[in-house]
Structure formats: C-alpha cells, structure tokens
Amino acid sequence: DKPLVRGYKVQLTTEGSVELPSSKTGCLLVSMGDATVTLQSNSSIQHRQMKAGHYCWIEAERKYSISNNSTAAIFTLLQLK
C-alpha cells in the first residue's frame, strides 16, 4: 500500500476465476508468469495469452471477471488511488 497505488496478489487455480469490483480510477493487471485468460466486462469478452510482464488495463467504473484457462496463474493487481 503506497500513497498512489494499492497492490494485490491474485492467484488463480486451474480453471479458476475472480470477479473484480468497479474502481473509480482503474487498475493495472500484470501477469507474473505464463497464463491464458478470458477477461469479461459487460458484453465485451477478450481472450489473452499472457507472458510474464504482460499487462492489461482495467477501465474505471466497470466490473470485470477474469477466468484462468490454463494451469495456475499469478498476477499483481495495481489499484490506482
């Protein structure tokens, strides 16, 4: 937890998923290793093949669902304040 950002470790088991609540400022999801994920927000669905260091921007004021389509995956979620 820092003045401008709060960090979370997100670990998804094989075929696991997590619901992210909406944020007023948005979040940055950074992959810590290889992962195949599905990101869903409203009617938008994205399939991503991520490597360590790959990231995706989670828009402000939108709920997201992240589903792991591979073996266990670890991410860092940076929530801007």
PDB file of N, CA and C in Angstrom:
ATOM      1  N   ASP A   1       0.849  -1.175   0.000  1.00  0.00           N
ATOM      2  CA  ASP A   1       0.000   0.000   0.000  1.00  0.00           C
ATOM      3  C   ASP A   1       0.898   1.243   0.000  1.00  0.00           C
ATOM      4  N   LYS A   2       0.790   2.059  -1.026  1.00  0.00           N
ATOM      5  CA  LYS A   2       1.571   3.291  -1.173  1.00  0.00           C
ATOM      6  C   LYS A   2       0.610   4.453  -1.382  1.00  0.00           C
ATOM      7  N   PRO A   3       1.087   5.697  -1.330  1.00  0.00           N
ATOM      8  CA  PRO A   3       0.190   6.848  -1.455  1.00  0.00           C
ATOM      9  C   PRO A   3      -0.657   6.876  -2.735  1.00  0.00           C
ATOM     10  N   LEU A   4      -0.133   6.399  -3.867  1.00  0.00           N
ATOM     11  CA  LEU A   4      -0.874   6.493  -5.128  1.00  0.00           C
ATOM     12  C   LEU A   4      -1.390   5.160  -5.661  1.00  0.00           C
ATOM     13  N   VAL A   5      -1.003   4.056  -5.023  1.00  0.00           N
ATOM     14  CA  VAL A   5      -1.397   2.738  -5.542  1.00  0.00           C
ATOM     15  C   VAL A   5      -1.505   1.723  -4.400  1.00  0.00           C
ATOM     16  N   ARG A   6      -2.409   0.772  -4.592  1.00  0.00           N
ATOM     17  CA  ARG A   6      -2.548  -0.343  -3.656  1.00  0.00           C
ATOM     18  C   ARG A   6      -2.343  -1.606  -4.481  1.00  0.00           C
ATOM     19  N   GLY A   7      -1.493  -2.516  -4.027  1.00  0.00           N
ATOM     20  CA  GLY A   7      -1.180  -3.726  -4.778  1.00  0.00           C
ATOM     21  C   GLY A   7      -1.783  -4.965  -4.152  1.00  0.00           C
ATOM     22  N   TYR A   8      -2.221  -5.891  -4.997  1.00  0.00           N
ATOM     23  CA  TYR A   8      -2.790  -7.160  -4.556  1.00  0.00           C
ATOM     24  C   TYR A   8      -2.152  -8.293  -5.343  1.00  0.00           C
ATOM     25  N   LYS A   9      -1.959  -9.426  -4.691  1.00  0.00           N
ATOM     26  CA  LYS A   9      -1.521 -10.637  -5.374  1.00  0.00           C
ATOM     27  C   LYS A   9      -2.782 -11.440  -5.676  1.00  0.00           C
ATOM     28  N   VAL A  10      -2.966 -11.794  -6.949  1.00  0.00           N
ATOM     29  CA  VAL A  10      -4.125 -12.577  -7.374  1.00  0.00           C
ATOM     30  C   VAL A  10      -3.607 -13.899  -7.914  1.00  0.00           C
ATOM     31  N   GLN A  11      -4.006 -14.987  -7.280  1.00  0.00           N
ATOM     32  CA  GLN A  11      -3.579 -16.309  -7.724  1.00  0.00           C
ATOM     33  C   GLN A  11      -4.822 -17.091  -8.129  1.00  0.00           C
ATOM     34  N   LEU A  12      -4.844 -17.519  -9.386  1.00  0.00           N
ATOM     35  CA  LEU A  12      -5.970 -18.279  -9.907  1.00  0.00           C
ATOM     36  C   LEU A  12      -5.562 -19.727 -10.112  1.00  0.00           C
ATOM     37  N   THR A  13      -6.348 -20.638  -9.576  1.00  0.00           N
ATOM     38  CA  THR A  13      -6.100 -22.054  -9.782  1.00  0.00           C
ATOM     39  C   THR A  13      -6.473 -22.416 -11.223  1.00  0.00           C
ATOM     40  N   THR A  14      -6.179 -23.624 -11.619  1.00  0.00           N
ATOM     41  CA  THR A  14      -6.569 -24.099 -12.937  1.00  0.00           C
ATOM     42  C   THR A  14      -8.075 -23.980 -13.073  1.00  0.00           C
ATOM     43  N   GLU A  15      -8.520 -23.333 -14.137  1.00  0.00           N
ATOM     44  CA  GLU A  15      -9.937 -23.094 -14.412  1.00  0.00           C
ATOM     45  C   GLU A  15     -10.599 -22.190 -13.360  1.00  0.00           C
ATOM     46  N   GLY A  16      -9.822 -21.496 -12.536  1.00  0.00           N
ATOM     47  CA  GLY A  16     -10.363 -20.591 -11.528  1.00  0.00           C
ATOM     48  C   GLY A  16     -10.746 -19.249 -12.128  1.00  0.00           C
ATOM     49  N   SER A  17     -11.537 -18.481 -11.368  1.00  0.00           N
ATOM     50  CA  SER A  17     -11.930 -17.152 -11.838  1.00  0.00           C
ATOM     51  C   SER A  17     -12.104 -16.220 -10.647  1.00  0.00           C
ATOM     52  N   VAL A  18     -12.123 -14.924 -10.937  1.00  0.00           N
ATOM     53  CA  VAL A  18     -12.305 -13.914  -9.902  1.00  0.00           C
ATOM     54  C   VAL A  18     -13.110 -12.759 -10.493  1.00  0.00           C
ATOM     55  N   GLU A  19     -13.967 -12.181  -9.677  1.00  0.00           N
ATOM     56  CA  GLU A  19     -14.749 -11.004 -10.061  1.00  0.00           C
ATOM     57  C   GLU A  19     -14.076  -9.785  -9.445  1.00  0.00           C
ATOM     58  N   LEU A  20     -13.779  -8.794 -10.265  1.00  0.00           N
ATOM     59  CA  LEU A  20     -13.191  -7.552  -9.767  1.00  0.00           C
ATOM     60  C   LEU A  20     -14.274  -6.484  -9.682  1.00  0.00           C
ATOM     61  N   PRO A  21     -14.410  -5.833  -8.539  1.00  0.00           N
ATOM     62  CA  PRO A  21     -15.401  -4.762  -8.434  1.00  0.00           C
ATOM     63  C   PRO A  21     -14.952  -3.550  -9.237  1.00  0.00           C
ATOM     64  N   SER A  22     -15.884  -2.679  -9.540  1.00  0.00           N
ATOM     65  CA  SER A  22     -15.511  -1.465 -10.271  1.00  0.00           C
ATOM     66  C   SER A  22     -14.655  -0.571  -9.380  1.00  0.00           C
ATOM     67  N   SER A  23     -13.798   0.201 -10.004  1.00  0.00           N
ATOM     68  CA  SER A  23     -12.887   1.099  -9.310  1.00  0.00           C
ATOM     69  C   SER A  23     -13.077   2.502  -9.877  1.00  0.00           C
ATOM     70  N   LYS A  24     -12.970   3.501  -9.047  1.00  0.00           N
ATOM     71  CA  LYS A  24     -13.143   4.878  -9.528  1.00  0.00           C
ATOM     72  C   LYS A  24     -12.009   5.334 -10.431  1.00  0.00           C
ATOM     73  N   THR A  25     -10.822   4.721 -10.287  1.00  0.00           N
ATOM     74  CA  THR A  25      -9.672   5.176 -11.056  1.00  0.00           C
ATOM     75  C   THR A  25      -9.104   4.136 -12.020  1.00  0.00           C
ATOM     76  N   GLY A  26      -9.532   2.899 -11.947  1.00  0.00           N
ATOM     77  CA  GLY A  26      -8.998   1.857 -12.816  1.00  0.00           C
ATOM     78  C   GLY A  26      -7.874   1.084 -12.161  1.00  0.00           C
ATOM     79  N   CYS A  27      -7.509  -0.039 -12.793  1.00  0.00           N
ATOM     80  CA  CYS A  27      -6.473  -0.927 -12.258  1.00  0.00           C
ATOM     81  C   CYS A  27      -5.593  -1.431 -13.387  1.00  0.00           C
ATOM     82  N   LEU A  28      -4.428  -1.881 -13.023  1.00  0.00           N
ATOM     83  CA  LEU A  28      -3.499  -2.492 -13.970  1.00  0.00           C
ATOM     84  C   LEU A  28      -3.266  -3.927 -13.508  1.00  0.00           C
ATOM     85  N   LEU A  29      -3.554  -4.893 -14.384  1.00  0.00           N
ATOM     86  CA  LEU A  29      -3.353  -6.302 -14.090  1.00  0.00           C
ATOM     87  C   LEU A  29      -2.071  -6.749 -14.779  1.00  0.00           C
ATOM     88  N   VAL A  30      -1.086  -7.195 -13.994  1.00  0.00           N
ATOM     89  CA  VAL A  30       0.221  -7.582 -14.522  1.00  0.00           C
ATOM     90  C   VAL A  30       0.428  -9.071 -14.288  1.00  0.00           C
ATOM     91  N   SER A  31       0.741  -9.803 -15.349  1.00  0.00           N
ATOM     92  CA  SER A  31       0.986 -11.238 -15.241  1.00  0.00           C
ATOM     93  C   SER A  31       2.390 -11.495 -14.702  1.00  0.00           C
ATOM     94  N   MET A  32       2.493 -12.410 -13.746  1.00  0.00           N
ATOM     95  CA  MET A  32       3.790 -12.755 -13.169  1.00  0.00           C
ATOM     96  C   MET A  32       4.394 -13.980 -13.850  1.00  0.00           C
ATOM     97  N   GLY A  33       3.661 -14.588 -14.760  1.00  0.00           N
ATOM     98  CA  GLY A  33       4.131 -15.766 -15.491  1.00  0.00           C
ATOM     99  C   GLY A  33       3.211 -16.019 -16.669  1.00  0.00           C
ATOM    100  N   ASP A  34       3.380 -17.166 -17.317  1.00  0.00           N
ATOM    101  CA  ASP A  34       2.548 -17.511 -18.461  1.00  0.00           C
ATOM    102  C   ASP A  34       1.119 -17.809 -18.009  1.00  0.00           C
ATOM    103  N   ALA A  35       0.149 -17.311 -18.761  1.00  0.00           N
ATOM    104  CA  ALA A  35      -1.253 -17.551 -18.448  1.00  0.00           C
ATOM    105  C   ALA A  35      -2.115 -17.335 -19.684  1.00  0.00           C
ATOM    106  N   THR A  36      -3.166 -18.113 -19.788  1.00  0.00           N
ATOM    107  CA  THR A  36      -4.182 -17.917 -20.808  1.00  0.00           C
ATOM    108  C   THR A  36      -5.455 -17.556 -20.067  1.00  0.00           C
ATOM    109  N   VAL A  37      -5.952 -16.354 -20.291  1.00  0.00           N
ATOM    110  CA  VAL A  37      -7.095 -15.866 -19.524  1.00  0.00           C
ATOM    111  C   VAL A  37      -8.198 -15.332 -20.440  1.00  0.00           C
ATOM    112  N   THR A  38      -9.393 -15.268 -19.879  1.00  0.00           N
ATOM    113  CA  THR A  38     -10.529 -14.624 -20.521  1.00  0.00           C
ATOM    114  C   THR A  38     -10.945 -13.466 -19.630  1.00  0.00           C
ATOM    115  N   LEU A  39     -10.987 -12.263 -20.195  1.00  0.00           N
ATOM    116  CA  LEU A  39     -11.433 -11.069 -19.478  1.00  0.00           C
ATOM    117  C   LEU A  39     -12.816 -10.709 -19.995  1.00  0.00           C
ATOM    118  N   GLN A  40     -13.759 -10.532 -19.068  1.00  0.00           N
ATOM    119  CA  GLN A  40     -15.119 -10.202 -19.482  1.00  0.00           C
ATOM    120  C   GLN A  40     -15.615  -8.994 -18.703  1.00  0.00           C
ATOM    121  N   SER A  41     -16.177  -8.028 -19.438  1.00  0.00           N
ATOM    122  CA  SER A  41     -16.794  -6.845 -18.854  1.00  0.00           C
ATOM    123  C   SER A  41     -18.032  -6.528 -19.668  1.00  0.00           C
ATOM    124  N   ASN A  42     -19.187  -6.599 -19.019  1.00  0.00           N
ATOM    125  CA  ASN A  42     -20.458  -6.417 -19.715  1.00  0.00           C
ATOM    126  C   ASN A  42     -20.510  -7.395 -20.885  1.00  0.00           C
ATOM    127  N   SER A  43     -20.674  -6.939 -22.094  1.00  0.00           N
ATOM    128  CA  SER A  43     -20.751  -7.843 -23.244  1.00  0.00           C
ATOM    129  C   SER A  43     -19.406  -8.012 -23.950  1.00  0.00           C
ATOM    130  N   SER A  44     -18.363  -7.360 -23.442  1.00  0.00           N
ATOM    131  CA  SER A  44     -17.034  -7.448 -24.047  1.00  0.00           C
ATOM    132  C   SER A  44     -16.274  -8.654 -23.480  1.00  0.00           C
ATOM    133  N   ILE A  45     -15.787  -9.518 -24.377  1.00  0.00           N
ATOM    134  CA  ILE A  45     -15.005 -10.684 -23.974  1.00  0.00           C
ATOM    135  C   ILE A  45     -13.687 -10.668 -24.735  1.00  0.00           C
ATOM    136  N   GLN A  46     -12.575 -10.784 -23.984  1.00  0.00           N
ATOM    137  CA  GLN A  46     -11.243 -10.822 -24.598  1.00  0.00           C
ATOM    138  C   GLN A  46     -10.530 -12.080 -24.136  1.00  0.00           C
ATOM    139  N   HIS A  47      -9.900 -12.776 -25.070  1.00  0.00           N
ATOM    140  CA  HIS A  47      -9.077 -13.941 -24.749  1.00  0.00           C
ATOM    141  C   HIS A  47      -7.624 -13.490 -24.903  1.00  0.00           C
ATOM    142  N   ARG A  48      -6.825 -13.727 -23.866  1.00  0.00           N
ATOM    143  CA  ARG A  48      -5.434 -13.257 -23.908  1.00  0.00           C
ATOM    144  C   ARG A  48      -4.458 -14.358 -23.524  1.00  0.00           C
ATOM    145  N   GLN A  49      -3.375 -14.412 -24.270  1.00  0.00           N
ATOM    146  CA  GLN A  49      -2.236 -15.266 -23.956  1.00  0.00           C
ATOM    147  C   GLN A  49      -1.197 -14.339 -23.329  1.00  0.00           C
ATOM    148  N   MET A  50      -0.949 -14.475 -22.040  1.00  0.00           N
ATOM    149  CA  MET A  50      -0.059 -13.543 -21.341  1.00  0.00           C
ATOM    150  C   MET A  50       1.242 -14.228 -20.935  1.00  0.00           C
ATOM    151  N   LYS A  51       2.311 -13.486 -21.008  1.00  0.00           N
ATOM    152  CA  LYS A  51       3.629 -13.905 -20.549  1.00  0.00           C
ATOM    153  C   LYS A  51       3.998 -13.050 -19.339  1.00  0.00           C
ATOM    154  N   ALA A  52       5.049 -13.387 -18.647  1.00  0.00           N
ATOM    155  CA  ALA A  52       5.493 -12.594 -17.501  1.00  0.00           C
ATOM    156  C   ALA A  52       5.735 -11.153 -17.935  1.00  0.00           C
ATOM    157  N   GLY A  53       5.143 -10.210 -17.217  1.00  0.00           N
ATOM    158  CA  GLY A  53       5.304  -8.801 -17.536  1.00  0.00           C
ATOM    159  C   GLY A  53       4.215  -8.230 -18.431  1.00  0.00           C
ATOM    160  N   HIS A  54       3.439  -9.096 -19.104  1.00  0.00           N
ATOM    161  CA  HIS A  54       2.320  -8.597 -19.901  1.00  0.00           C
ATOM    162  C   HIS A  54       1.281  -8.012 -18.950  1.00  0.00           C
ATOM    163  N   TYR A  55       0.579  -7.021 -19.433  1.00  0.00           N
ATOM    164  CA  TYR A  55      -0.402  -6.359 -18.582  1.00  0.00           C
ATOM    165  C   TYR A  55      -1.638  -5.995 -19.378  1.00  0.00           C
ATOM    166  N   CYS A  56      -2.699  -5.711 -18.654  1.00  0.00           N
ATOM    167  CA  CYS A  56      -3.904  -5.171 -19.290  1.00  0.00           C
ATOM    168  C   CYS A  56      -4.525  -4.149 -18.342  1.00  0.00           C
ATOM    169  N   TRP A  57      -5.095  -3.130 -18.935  1.00  0.00           N
ATOM    170  CA  TRP A  57      -5.709  -2.038 -18.203  1.00  0.00           C
ATOM    171  C   TRP A  57      -7.163  -2.406 -17.900  1.00  0.00           C
ATOM    172  N   ILE A  58      -7.562  -2.270 -16.665  1.00  0.00           N
ATOM    173  CA  ILE A  58      -8.934  -2.492 -16.238  1.00  0.00           C
ATOM    174  C   ILE A  58      -9.573  -1.113 -16.095  1.00  0.00           C
ATOM    175  N   GLU A  59     -10.505  -0.803 -16.953  1.00  0.00           N
ATOM    176  CA  GLU A  59     -11.098   0.533 -17.000  1.00  0.00           C
ATOM    177  C   GLU A  59     -11.852   0.879 -15.715  1.00  0.00           C
ATOM    178  N   ALA A  60     -11.875   2.159 -15.407  1.00  0.00           N
ATOM    179  CA  ALA A  60     -12.600   2.660 -14.240  1.00  0.00           C
ATOM    180  C   ALA A  60     -14.103   2.465 -14.422  1.00  0.00           C
ATOM    181  N   GLU A  61     -14.790   2.296 -13.298  1.00  0.00           N
ATOM    182  CA  GLU A  61     -16.256   2.216 -13.260  1.00  0.00           C
ATOM    183  C   GLU A  61     -16.840   1.026 -14.020  1.00  0.00           C
ATOM    184  N   ARG A  62     -16.048  -0.035 -14.215  1.00  0.00           N
ATOM    185  CA  ARG A  62     -16.551  -1.240 -14.882  1.00  0.00           C
ATOM    186  C   ARG A  62     -16.172  -2.457 -14.071  1.00  0.00           C
ATOM    187  N   LYS A  63     -17.092  -3.387 -13.921  1.00  0.00           N
ATOM    188  CA  LYS A  63     -16.806  -4.656 -13.256  1.00  0.00           C
ATOM    189  C   LYS A  63     -16.166  -5.601 -14.270  1.00  0.00           C
ATOM    190  N   TYR A  64     -15.205  -6.371 -13.833  1.00  0.00           N
ATOM    191  CA  TYR A  64     -14.517  -7.330 -14.694  1.00  0.00           C
ATOM    192  C   TYR A  64     -14.525  -8.707 -14.055  1.00  0.00           C
ATOM    193  N   SER A  65     -14.530  -9.715 -14.895  1.00  0.00           N
ATOM    194  CA  SER A  65     -14.372 -11.098 -14.492  1.00  0.00           C
ATOM    195  C   SER A  65     -13.141 -11.627 -15.215  1.00  0.00           C
ATOM    196  N   ILE A  66     -12.266 -12.283 -14.477  1.00  0.00           N
ATOM    197  CA  ILE A  66     -11.059 -12.868 -15.066  1.00  0.00           C
ATOM    198  C   ILE A  66     -11.130 -14.372 -14.844  1.00  0.00           C
ATOM    199  N   SER A  67     -11.053 -15.138 -15.929  1.00  0.00           N
ATOM    200  CA  SER A  67     -11.093 -16.596 -15.859  1.00  0.00           C
ATOM    201  C   SER A  67      -9.770 -17.149 -16.370  1.00  0.00           C
ATOM    202  N   ASN A  68      -9.214 -18.086 -15.629  1.00  0.00           N
ATOM    203  CA  ASN A  68      -7.961 -18.725 -15.997  1.00  0.00           C
ATOM    204  C   ASN A  68      -8.276 -19.942 -16.859  1.00  0.00           C
ATOM    205  N   ASN A  69      -7.707 -20.002 -18.050  1.00  0.00           N
ATOM    206  CA  ASN A  69      -7.941 -21.109 -18.969  1.00  0.00           C
ATOM    207  C   ASN A  69      -6.727 -22.020 -19.082  1.00  0.00           C
ATOM    208  N   SER A  70      -5.793 -21.915 -18.147  1.00  0.00           N
ATOM    209  CA  SER A  70      -4.572 -22.718 -18.198  1.00  0.00           C
ATOM    210  C   SER A  70      -4.256 -23.226 -16.799  1.00  0.00           C
ATOM    211  N   THR A  71      -3.021 -23.618 -16.590  1.00  0.00           N
ATOM    212  CA  THR A  71      -2.607 -24.034 -15.255  1.00  0.00           C
ATOM    213  C   THR A  71      -2.615 -22.830 -14.328  1.00  0.00           C
ATOM    214  N   ALA A  72      -2.324 -23.034 -13.064  1.00  0.00           N
ATOM    215  CA  ALA A  72      -2.365 -21.949 -12.079  1.00  0.00           C
ATOM    216  C   ALA A  72      -1.630 -20.708 -12.586  1.00  0.00           C
ATOM    217  N   ALA A  73      -2.207 -19.548 -12.326  1.00  0.00           N
ATOM    218  CA  ALA A  73      -1.653 -18.282 -12.813  1.00  0.00           C
ATOM    219  C   ALA A  73      -1.575 -17.287 -11.668  1.00  0.00           C
ATOM    220  N   ILE A  74      -0.528 -16.456 -11.681  1.00  0.00           N
ATOM    221  CA  ILE A  74      -0.342 -15.448 -10.639  1.00  0.00           C
ATOM    222  C   ILE A  74      -0.246 -14.073 -11.296  1.00  0.00           C
ATOM    223  N   PHE A  75      -0.960 -13.109 -10.710  1.00  0.00           N
ATOM    224  CA  PHE A  75      -0.991 -11.744 -11.206  1.00  0.00           C
ATOM    225  C   PHE A  75      -0.761 -10.773 -10.060  1.00  0.00           C
ATOM    226  N   THR A  76      -0.325  -9.587 -10.406  1.00  0.00           N
ATOM    227  CA  THR A  76      -0.315  -8.460  -9.481  1.00  0.00           C
ATOM    228  C   THR A  76      -1.362  -7.483  -9.998  1.00  0.00           C
ATOM    229  N   LEU A  77      -2.258  -7.090  -9.105  1.00  0.00           N
ATOM    230  CA  LEU A  77      -3.292  -6.111  -9.460  1.00  0.00           C
ATOM    231  C   LEU A  77      -2.941  -4.807  -8.765  1.00  0.00           C
ATOM    232  N   LEU A  78      -2.698  -3.771  -9.567  1.00  0.00           N
ATOM    233  CA  LEU A  78      -2.357  -2.442  -9.024  1.00  0.00           C
ATOM    234  C   LEU A  78      -3.576  -1.544  -9.145  1.00  0.00           C
ATOM    235  N   GLN A  79      -4.144  -1.195  -8.007  1.00  0.00           N
ATOM    236  CA  GLN A  79      -5.331  -0.332  -7.953  1.00  0.00           C
ATOM    237  C   GLN A  79      -4.878   1.096  -7.689  1.00  0.00           C
ATOM    238  N   LEU A  80      -5.129   1.974  -8.647  1.00  0.00           N
ATOM    239  CA  LEU A  80      -4.744   3.368  -8.501  1.00  0.00           C
ATOM    240  C   LEU A  80      -5.691   4.051  -7.527  1.00  0.00           C
ATOM    241  N   LYS A  81      -5.162   4.996  -6.758  1.00  0.00           N
ATOM    242  CA  LYS A  81      -5.986   5.703  -5.775  1.00  0.00           C
ATOM    243  C   LYS A  81      -6.400   7.052  -6.310  1.00  0.00           C
TER     244      LYS A  81
END
